[in-house]
Protein backbone atom coordinates (compact mmCIF):
# COMPACT_ATOMS: atom_id res chain seq x y z
CA MET A 1 -20.19 20.15 14.79
CA PRO A 2 -20.14 18.51 18.30
CA ALA A 3 -21.68 20.83 20.88
CA SER A 4 -22.68 20.58 24.51
CA VAL A 5 -26.31 20.48 25.58
CA ALA A 6 -25.96 23.94 27.11
CA ALA A 7 -24.44 25.35 23.92
CA LEU A 8 -27.16 23.83 21.75
CA ILE A 9 -29.88 25.41 23.88
CA ALA A 10 -28.13 28.77 24.15
CA SER A 11 -27.77 29.08 20.37
CA ARG A 12 -31.48 28.44 19.68
CA PRO A 13 -33.82 31.29 20.67
CA ALA A 14 -36.91 29.07 20.77
CA LEU A 15 -35.40 26.67 23.33
CA ARG A 16 -35.14 27.22 27.08
CA ALA A 17 -34.03 25.00 29.96
CA HIS A 18 -36.61 25.54 32.71
CA ALA A 19 -35.75 24.48 36.25
CA HIS A 20 -39.11 22.74 36.73
CA ASP A 21 -40.62 22.16 33.26
CA GLY A 22 -37.40 21.03 31.62
CA LEU A 23 -36.84 21.81 27.96
CA THR A 24 -39.37 24.23 26.49
CA PHE A 25 -39.90 25.18 22.86
CA GLU A 26 -41.48 28.56 22.19
CA GLY A 27 -42.51 28.52 25.84
CA MET A 28 -44.23 25.12 25.68
CA PRO A 29 -42.89 22.30 27.91
CA LEU A 30 -41.94 19.49 25.57
CA ALA A 31 -42.55 16.90 28.28
CA ALA A 32 -46.21 17.92 28.29
CA ILE A 33 -46.45 17.44 24.52
CA ALA A 34 -44.85 14.00 24.75
CA ALA A 35 -47.24 13.04 27.55
CA ALA A 36 -50.29 14.20 25.61
CA HIS A 37 -49.42 12.90 22.15
CA GLY A 38 -46.90 10.12 22.70
CA THR A 39 -43.63 9.59 20.91
CA PRO A 40 -42.22 9.71 18.33
CA CYS A 41 -43.82 13.07 17.65
CA TRP A 42 -42.98 16.08 15.48
CA VAL A 43 -43.29 19.56 16.98
CA TYR A 44 -43.25 22.84 15.00
CA GLY A 45 -43.09 26.43 16.21
CA ALA A 46 -45.20 28.89 14.21
CA GLY A 47 -43.52 31.86 15.87
CA THR A 48 -40.09 30.75 14.72
CA ILE A 49 -41.26 30.40 11.12
CA ARG A 50 -42.85 33.85 11.13
CA ARG A 51 -39.78 35.50 12.66
CA ARG A 52 -37.44 33.90 10.17
CA TYR A 53 -39.64 34.72 7.20
CA ARG A 54 -39.91 38.36 8.23
CA ARG A 55 -36.17 38.65 8.81
CA LEU A 56 -35.45 37.18 5.39
CA GLY A 57 -38.01 39.44 3.74
CA ALA A 58 -36.55 42.54 5.38
CA ALA A 59 -33.05 41.59 4.25
CA MET A 60 -34.11 40.88 0.67
CA GLN A 61 -35.70 44.31 0.07
CA GLY A 62 -38.57 43.33 -2.20
CA VAL A 63 -37.18 40.12 -3.68
CA ASP A 64 -40.01 37.62 -4.26
CA ILE A 65 -39.90 34.70 -1.82
CA HIS A 66 -41.09 31.33 -3.12
CA TYR A 67 -40.96 28.82 -0.28
CA ALA A 68 -39.45 25.48 -1.33
CA VAL A 69 -42.36 23.16 -0.57
CA LYS A 70 -40.14 20.06 -0.56
CA ALA A 71 -38.61 21.17 2.76
CA ASN A 72 -41.88 20.68 4.67
CA ASP A 73 -45.14 20.33 2.78
CA HIS A 74 -47.66 20.15 5.62
CA LEU A 75 -50.73 22.25 4.82
CA ALA A 76 -50.47 24.07 8.15
CA ILE A 77 -46.89 25.14 7.40
CA LEU A 78 -47.78 26.16 3.85
CA SER A 79 -50.82 28.14 4.97
CA LEU A 80 -48.79 29.91 7.65
CA LEU A 81 -46.22 31.01 5.07
CA ALA A 82 -48.91 31.93 2.55
CA ALA A 83 -50.44 34.23 5.18
CA GLU A 84 -47.03 35.91 5.49
CA GLY A 85 -47.07 36.56 1.74
CA ALA A 86 -44.88 33.73 0.50
CA GLY A 87 -45.25 32.12 -2.86
CA ALA A 88 -44.17 28.54 -3.50
CA ASP A 89 -41.48 26.67 -5.38
CA VAL A 90 -42.89 23.26 -6.32
CA VAL A 91 -41.30 20.24 -7.97
CA SER A 92 -44.31 17.98 -8.60
CA GLY A 93 -48.00 18.09 -9.36
CA GLY A 94 -48.69 16.96 -5.81
CA GLU A 95 -46.76 19.91 -4.40
CA LEU A 96 -48.59 22.24 -6.81
CA PHE A 97 -51.99 21.07 -5.57
CA ARG A 98 -50.83 21.13 -1.93
CA ALA A 99 -49.68 24.73 -2.24
CA ILE A 100 -52.95 25.82 -3.84
CA ALA A 101 -54.98 23.91 -1.22
CA ALA A 102 -53.05 25.76 1.49
CA GLY A 103 -53.92 29.14 0.03
CA VAL A 104 -50.89 30.00 -2.08
CA THR A 105 -51.96 32.09 -5.06
CA PRO A 106 -51.12 30.24 -8.31
CA SER A 107 -49.63 33.44 -9.75
CA LYS A 108 -46.97 33.17 -7.01
CA ILE A 109 -46.01 29.55 -7.76
CA VAL A 110 -42.87 28.54 -9.64
CA PHE A 111 -42.55 24.98 -10.98
CA SER A 112 -39.00 23.59 -10.86
CA GLY A 113 -37.59 20.08 -11.35
CA VAL A 114 -36.08 17.99 -14.12
CA GLY A 115 -38.94 15.52 -14.58
CA LYS A 116 -42.18 17.44 -15.10
CA THR A 117 -44.67 15.12 -16.76
CA GLU A 118 -47.20 16.17 -19.38
CA THR A 119 -49.99 15.76 -16.82
CA GLU A 120 -48.15 18.03 -14.37
CA MET A 121 -47.42 20.64 -17.06
CA VAL A 122 -51.08 20.75 -18.08
CA ALA A 123 -52.17 21.14 -14.46
CA ALA A 124 -49.74 24.02 -13.97
CA LEU A 125 -50.83 25.69 -17.21
CA ASP A 126 -54.49 25.39 -16.21
CA ALA A 127 -53.72 26.79 -12.75
CA GLY A 128 -51.99 29.84 -14.22
CA ILE A 129 -48.70 29.60 -12.34
CA ALA A 130 -46.10 32.34 -12.40
CA GLN A 131 -43.28 30.48 -14.11
CA PHE A 132 -41.86 27.16 -15.28
CA ASN A 133 -38.15 26.74 -14.56
CA ILE A 134 -37.02 24.79 -17.62
CA GLU A 135 -34.22 22.25 -17.13
CA SER A 136 -33.53 21.01 -20.68
CA ALA A 137 -34.15 21.65 -24.37
CA GLU A 138 -36.40 18.60 -24.42
CA GLU A 139 -38.56 19.99 -21.65
CA LEU A 140 -38.85 23.35 -23.40
CA ARG A 141 -40.09 21.66 -26.58
CA ASP A 142 -42.54 19.44 -24.70
CA LEU A 143 -44.01 22.44 -22.87
CA SER A 144 -44.22 24.46 -26.09
CA ALA A 145 -46.25 21.74 -27.80
CA LEU A 146 -48.58 21.32 -24.84
CA ALA A 147 -49.16 25.05 -24.32
CA ALA A 148 -49.73 25.73 -28.02
CA SER A 149 -52.20 22.86 -28.30
CA ARG A 150 -54.23 24.39 -25.48
CA GLY A 151 -54.02 27.96 -26.74
CA ALA A 152 -51.99 28.89 -23.66
CA VAL A 153 -48.76 30.77 -23.14
CA ALA A 154 -46.28 29.45 -20.57
CA PRO A 155 -43.94 31.94 -18.88
CA ILE A 156 -40.56 30.24 -18.56
CA ALA A 157 -37.09 30.76 -17.15
CA LEU A 158 -34.15 28.65 -18.26
CA ARG A 159 -32.38 27.04 -15.32
CA VAL A 160 -28.66 27.55 -15.73
CA ASN A 161 -26.15 24.97 -14.55
CA PRO A 162 -23.26 27.34 -13.75
CA ASP A 163 -20.72 24.58 -12.97
CA VAL A 164 -20.23 25.90 -9.44
CA ASP A 165 -19.41 23.59 -6.54
CA ALA A 166 -21.37 24.86 -3.54
CA GLY A 167 -19.12 23.01 -1.09
CA THR A 168 -22.05 21.11 0.36
CA HIS A 169 -22.78 17.39 0.70
CA GLU A 170 -22.29 15.36 -2.48
CA LYS A 171 -25.94 14.28 -2.49
CA ILE A 172 -27.39 17.81 -2.29
CA ALA A 173 -25.08 19.65 -4.71
CA THR A 174 -27.03 20.63 -7.84
CA GLY A 175 -24.99 23.20 -9.79
CA ARG A 176 -21.92 21.30 -11.00
CA ALA A 177 -21.24 20.12 -14.53
CA GLY A 178 -22.57 16.57 -14.69
CA ASP A 179 -25.32 17.10 -12.11
CA LYS A 180 -28.75 16.28 -13.53
CA PHE A 181 -30.06 19.80 -12.96
CA GLY A 182 -30.14 22.74 -15.33
CA ILE A 183 -28.71 23.65 -18.73
CA PRO A 184 -24.98 24.27 -19.29
CA ALA A 185 -24.28 28.01 -19.39
CA GLN A 186 -22.75 27.81 -22.87
CA GLN A 187 -26.05 26.49 -24.27
CA ILE A 188 -28.28 29.16 -22.76
CA GLU A 189 -28.01 31.82 -25.50
CA ALA A 190 -29.12 29.50 -28.30
CA LEU A 191 -31.88 27.87 -26.26
CA TYR A 192 -33.21 31.23 -25.02
CA ALA A 193 -33.44 32.41 -28.63
CA GLU A 194 -35.30 29.20 -29.49
CA ALA A 195 -37.68 29.81 -26.58
CA ALA A 196 -38.42 33.30 -27.87
CA ARG A 197 -39.44 31.78 -31.22
CA SER A 198 -41.42 28.87 -29.76
CA PRO A 199 -45.23 28.84 -29.86
CA GLY A 200 -46.90 28.82 -26.47
CA ILE A 201 -43.75 30.08 -24.70
CA ARG A 202 -42.89 33.45 -23.20
CA PRO A 203 -39.30 33.59 -21.90
CA VAL A 204 -39.05 35.87 -18.88
CA GLY A 205 -35.56 35.14 -17.59
CA LEU A 206 -33.11 32.77 -15.98
CA ALA A 207 -32.98 30.60 -12.88
CA VAL A 208 -30.25 28.92 -10.85
CA HIS A 209 -30.01 26.67 -7.82
CA ILE A 210 -26.60 25.30 -6.84
CA GLY A 211 -27.42 23.12 -3.85
CA SER A 212 -28.67 22.92 -0.30
CA GLN A 213 -27.15 23.63 3.12
CA ILE A 214 -24.70 26.25 1.80
CA MET A 215 -22.81 27.99 4.60
CA GLY A 216 -20.94 30.77 2.79
CA VAL A 217 -21.59 33.37 0.09
CA SER A 218 -18.68 32.62 -2.27
CA ALA A 219 -20.50 29.91 -4.24
CA PHE A 220 -23.62 32.09 -4.50
CA ALA A 221 -21.48 34.99 -5.74
CA ALA A 222 -19.81 32.84 -8.41
CA ALA A 223 -23.15 31.55 -9.70
CA TYR A 224 -24.78 34.98 -9.70
CA ARG A 225 -21.86 36.51 -11.64
CA LYS A 226 -22.40 33.93 -14.36
CA LEU A 227 -26.11 34.72 -14.52
CA ALA A 228 -25.51 38.47 -14.63
CA ASP A 229 -23.11 37.93 -17.54
CA LEU A 230 -25.75 35.87 -19.32
CA VAL A 231 -28.33 38.62 -18.83
CA HIS A 232 -25.99 41.05 -20.66
CA ILE A 233 -25.36 38.51 -23.44
CA LEU A 234 -29.06 37.81 -23.99
CA ARG A 235 -30.04 41.47 -23.94
CA ALA A 236 -27.30 42.23 -26.48
CA GLN A 237 -29.20 39.87 -28.81
CA ASN A 238 -32.41 41.86 -28.17
CA LEU A 239 -33.84 38.97 -26.16
CA PRO A 240 -36.12 40.04 -23.29
CA VAL A 241 -34.86 39.20 -19.79
CA GLU A 242 -37.15 40.44 -17.03
CA ALA A 243 -36.38 38.17 -14.08
CA VAL A 244 -33.80 35.99 -12.37
CA ASP A 245 -34.78 33.25 -9.94
CA CYS A 246 -31.76 32.95 -7.63
CA GLY A 247 -32.78 29.64 -6.05
CA GLY A 248 -32.32 28.71 -2.42
CA GLY A 249 -29.79 26.71 -0.46
CA LEU A 250 -29.15 28.95 2.55
CA GLY A 251 -27.84 26.65 5.26
CA ILE A 252 -28.44 26.46 9.00
CA PRO A 253 -26.10 25.52 11.86
CA TYR A 254 -26.94 22.07 13.23
CA GLY A 255 -24.48 22.41 16.11
CA ASP A 256 -23.44 25.65 17.80
CA GLU A 257 -21.23 26.82 14.93
CA PRO A 258 -21.88 30.24 13.38
CA GLY A 259 -24.36 30.14 10.52
CA ILE A 260 -24.61 32.22 7.38
CA VAL A 261 -27.04 35.07 7.99
CA PRO A 262 -29.71 36.08 5.46
CA GLU A 263 -28.35 39.62 5.36
CA ALA A 264 -25.08 38.30 3.89
CA TRP A 265 -26.94 36.30 1.25
CA ALA A 266 -29.10 39.32 0.42
CA ALA A 267 -26.09 41.62 0.04
CA CYS A 268 -24.43 39.11 -2.29
CA LEU A 269 -27.58 38.67 -4.38
CA LEU A 270 -28.62 42.30 -4.60
CA GLY A 271 -25.08 43.38 -5.40
CA ALA A 272 -24.68 40.84 -8.19
CA PHE A 273 -27.73 42.10 -10.09
CA ALA A 274 -27.63 45.80 -9.15
CA GLY A 275 -28.53 48.14 -11.99
CA LEU A 276 -29.98 45.44 -14.24
CA GLY A 277 -33.63 46.28 -13.55
CA LEU A 278 -34.56 42.67 -12.91
CA ARG A 279 -37.37 41.15 -10.90
CA LEU A 280 -35.55 38.87 -8.46
CA ALA A 281 -36.80 35.80 -6.60
CA ILE A 282 -35.45 33.23 -4.14
CA GLU A 283 -36.53 29.72 -3.13
CA PRO A 284 -35.66 29.22 0.57
CA GLY A 285 -36.78 26.11 2.41
CA ARG A 286 -34.48 24.71 5.09
CA TRP A 287 -33.53 28.15 6.51
CA LEU A 288 -37.18 29.02 7.11
CA VAL A 289 -38.44 25.80 8.67
CA GLY A 290 -35.46 23.69 9.77
CA PRO A 291 -34.93 25.33 13.18
CA ALA A 292 -38.71 25.57 13.64
CA GLY A 293 -39.16 21.83 14.12
CA LEU A 294 -37.96 19.00 16.29
CA LEU A 295 -38.65 15.32 16.78
CA LEU A 296 -39.51 13.98 20.24
CA ALA A 297 -38.55 10.39 21.00
CA SER A 298 -38.53 8.15 24.08
CA VAL A 299 -35.92 5.70 25.28
CA ILE A 300 -36.93 2.05 24.90
CA ARG A 301 -33.83 0.69 26.60
CA THR A 302 -30.06 1.17 26.82
CA LYS A 303 -27.60 -1.57 25.85
CA ARG A 304 -24.43 -1.58 27.97
CA GLU A 305 -23.00 -5.07 28.20
CA GLY A 306 -19.94 -6.03 26.16
CA ILE A 307 -19.68 -2.81 24.14
CA ASP A 308 -17.35 0.18 24.23
CA ARG A 309 -20.06 2.69 25.06
CA PRO A 310 -23.81 2.57 25.78
CA ILE A 311 -26.26 2.40 22.90
CA VAL A 312 -29.49 4.25 23.67
CA ILE A 313 -32.40 2.80 21.66
CA LEU A 314 -35.17 5.28 20.88
CA ASP A 315 -38.70 4.73 19.63
CA ALA A 316 -38.00 7.10 16.71
CA ALA A 317 -36.13 5.67 13.74
CA MET A 318 -34.73 6.34 10.30
CA ASN A 319 -38.21 5.92 8.84
CA ASP A 320 -39.18 9.04 10.82
CA LEU A 321 -36.02 11.13 10.28
CA ALA A 322 -34.02 9.82 7.33
CA ARG A 323 -31.30 12.49 7.12
CA PRO A 324 -28.70 10.85 9.42
CA ALA A 325 -28.97 7.55 7.52
CA MET A 326 -29.10 9.20 4.08
CA TYR A 327 -26.48 11.91 4.44
CA GLY A 328 -24.67 11.20 7.68
CA ALA A 329 -26.40 14.37 8.87
CA TRP A 330 -25.69 15.63 12.39
CA HIS A 331 -28.62 16.71 14.60
CA GLY A 332 -28.39 17.89 18.17
CA ILE A 333 -30.00 15.45 20.61
CA ILE A 334 -30.84 16.68 24.11
CA PRO A 335 -32.95 15.36 26.99
CA VAL A 336 -36.25 16.97 27.86
CA ALA A 337 -36.49 16.38 31.64
CA ALA A 338 -35.13 19.12 33.91
CA SER A 339 -33.15 16.59 35.94
CA ALA A 340 -31.45 15.19 32.83
CA LEU A 341 -30.58 18.66 31.55
CA ALA A 342 -28.65 19.31 34.75
CA ALA A 343 -27.08 15.86 35.16
CA PRO A 344 -23.47 14.92 34.34
CA CYS A 345 -23.08 13.47 30.84
CA GLU A 346 -21.77 10.17 29.55
CA ILE A 347 -20.69 9.26 26.02
CA ALA A 348 -23.29 7.17 24.18
CA ASP A 349 -24.55 6.22 20.74
CA ILE A 350 -28.17 7.10 19.96
CA ALA A 351 -29.99 4.63 17.72
CA GLY A 352 -33.42 3.70 16.44
CA PRO A 353 -35.11 0.27 16.51
CA ILE A 354 -35.16 -0.44 12.76
CA CYS A 355 -33.33 -3.50 11.45
CA GLU A 356 -30.72 -1.49 9.56
CA THR A 357 -27.21 -0.66 10.75
CA ALA A 358 -27.70 2.85 9.35
CA ASP A 359 -30.50 3.54 11.85
CA ILE A 360 -28.26 5.70 14.04
CA PHE A 361 -29.06 9.28 15.06
CA GLY A 362 -25.70 10.03 16.63
CA ARG A 363 -22.44 8.40 17.66
CA ALA A 364 -20.31 9.25 20.68
CA ARG A 365 -22.69 11.93 21.93
CA GLU A 366 -22.38 13.65 25.29
CA ILE A 367 -25.74 13.14 27.01
CA ALA A 368 -27.02 12.41 30.51
CA PRO A 369 -27.63 8.73 31.30
CA LEU A 370 -31.19 8.10 30.14
CA GLY A 371 -33.55 5.63 31.74
CA ARG A 372 -36.47 3.84 30.16
CA ASN A 373 -39.15 6.24 28.81
CA ALA A 374 -36.88 9.31 29.12
CA VAL A 375 -37.76 11.78 26.35
CA VAL A 376 -35.22 13.45 24.06
CA ALA A 377 -35.56 16.14 21.43
CA ILE A 378 -33.82 15.77 18.07
CA LEU A 379 -33.26 19.35 17.00
CA ASP A 380 -33.54 21.27 13.74
CA SER A 381 -35.67 18.67 12.00
CA GLY A 382 -38.40 20.95 10.67
CA ALA A 383 -36.95 20.63 7.16
CA TYR A 384 -36.56 17.31 5.36
CA GLY A 385 -37.95 15.55 8.41
CA ALA A 386 -41.58 14.43 8.41
CA VAL A 387 -41.84 15.16 4.69
CA MET A 388 -39.32 12.35 4.02
CA SER A 389 -40.83 9.88 6.50
CA SER A 390 -41.87 6.41 5.43
CA THR A 391 -43.64 3.43 6.98
CA TYR A 392 -40.64 1.10 6.64
CA ASN A 393 -40.77 -1.85 9.07
CA ALA A 394 -44.55 -1.22 9.17
CA ARG A 395 -44.08 1.76 11.47
CA PRO A 396 -46.99 4.23 11.43
CA LEU A 397 -46.29 7.87 10.60
CA ALA A 398 -45.78 9.99 13.72
CA PRO A 399 -48.18 12.78 14.71
CA GLN A 400 -47.34 16.42 14.03
CA ILE A 401 -48.00 19.18 16.55
CA LEU A 402 -48.04 22.96 16.01
CA ILE A 403 -47.26 25.49 18.74
CA ASP A 404 -48.57 28.98 18.03
CA GLY A 405 -48.22 31.53 20.82
CA ALA A 406 -50.42 31.15 23.87
CA ALA A 407 -52.89 28.84 22.12
CA PRO A 408 -52.90 25.18 23.18
CA ALA A 409 -50.59 22.98 21.15
CA GLN A 410 -52.58 21.73 18.17
CA GLU A 411 -52.35 18.30 16.60
CA ILE A 412 -52.13 19.03 12.86
CA ARG A 413 -51.72 15.39 11.89
CA ALA A 414 -52.81 12.46 14.01
CA ARG A 415 -50.68 9.39 14.52
CA GLN A 416 -51.37 7.00 11.67
CA PRO A 417 -53.53 4.07 12.81
CA VAL A 418 -51.77 0.74 12.33
CA ALA A 419 -54.60 -0.59 10.15
CA ASN A 420 -54.07 2.30 7.75
CA LEU A 421 -50.70 0.82 6.85
CA TRP A 422 -52.50 -1.66 4.59
CA TYR A 423 -55.86 0.00 3.95
CA ALA A 424 -55.26 0.27 0.17
CA GLU A 425 -53.85 -3.24 -0.25
CA LEU A 426 -55.77 -6.12 -1.75
CA LEU A 427 -55.34 -9.83 -1.20
CA PRO A 428 -55.47 -12.13 -4.24
CA GLY A 429 -59.10 -12.52 -5.23
CA ASP A 430 -60.17 -9.24 -3.58
CA ALA A 431 -60.00 -7.14 -6.75
CA GLY A 432 -63.41 -5.95 -7.86
CA ARG A 433 -65.19 -6.73 -4.59
């Protein structure tokens, strides 16, 4: 995973090291964005998202693309993808309403997740979504009762737990026996037959999702073989199977290592279901938006005395970008100023100001010595970045900026005012005033 600053820039088409402007992203000097909007600050590149979506679509040859809203749910990002033709994969009522508000057609929305409430199911039924991905027998029966009581018919796919280890981080693996997601493969035939008999239910097929940040095709291939076998088994019982939702999980390189390409995923997927006459779908998130975002932060100070290596304290923290603290995730961190990009490096730890030992963005990183107010970019944070932010330590949410071609950088979310941290709170005796 460790990579030099030069290697990180060279492996990311949207980044350039300019002799005068310093680090640029989609042609925009990041120093100018930091000066105009302050730090910490999220920056997204619309061009990168469009290019990646179109590449994935070309590779998938007509497979339906439902963007995984959980990766980045900002309305601007959702509307950009909706304009490209994407549907949405949602896992809550809030995500459902966000996707619709951003212009995603309800008939292109799939509702996944193990904990759909009755209120959320009713909202999705009323909206007329494309499909519910059912995660348990209990959920199937709950949805059947709700749909029948409303005179509605819910199109459903049963999510299969194929007992496949995707070789990813323990906390983002979802397709192993014992994980909370999906229905064991050996129970699918009986439950699919029950679905076909259930009032208010129309079974359309199967779904699978084995995890996130998958960097090879072998786990995908194993899961898809199990689903293809199940399609044959169900059809042999004269049960209708029209579609398979193949999930997401396509990983991205966070260093300069080679990444899995969408063409390889597409070849694996299309080959697994060739000749079955199925409508196929995928649920990509991270691959589309991860490399399209970064987090700008400024140096508050550097601690040097009495320690093995310097500790650079940034004004961004784990409340902004939680992945390093949650998963031990590695993100490239590079300076923005032209002089720092060309300077000799030292070995330093990069930390945030929050009162938690876990608030570390990187240990033993090669980076130029950084003075007070120097700006750095934390790369590949367009997915599971701002969407997971909190206001821990009473830190306001950072602004979000969108770059789109030659247009001026646009603030798509303002920095949260400090007073808004407690705007909905009441002191004792305030209730009812």
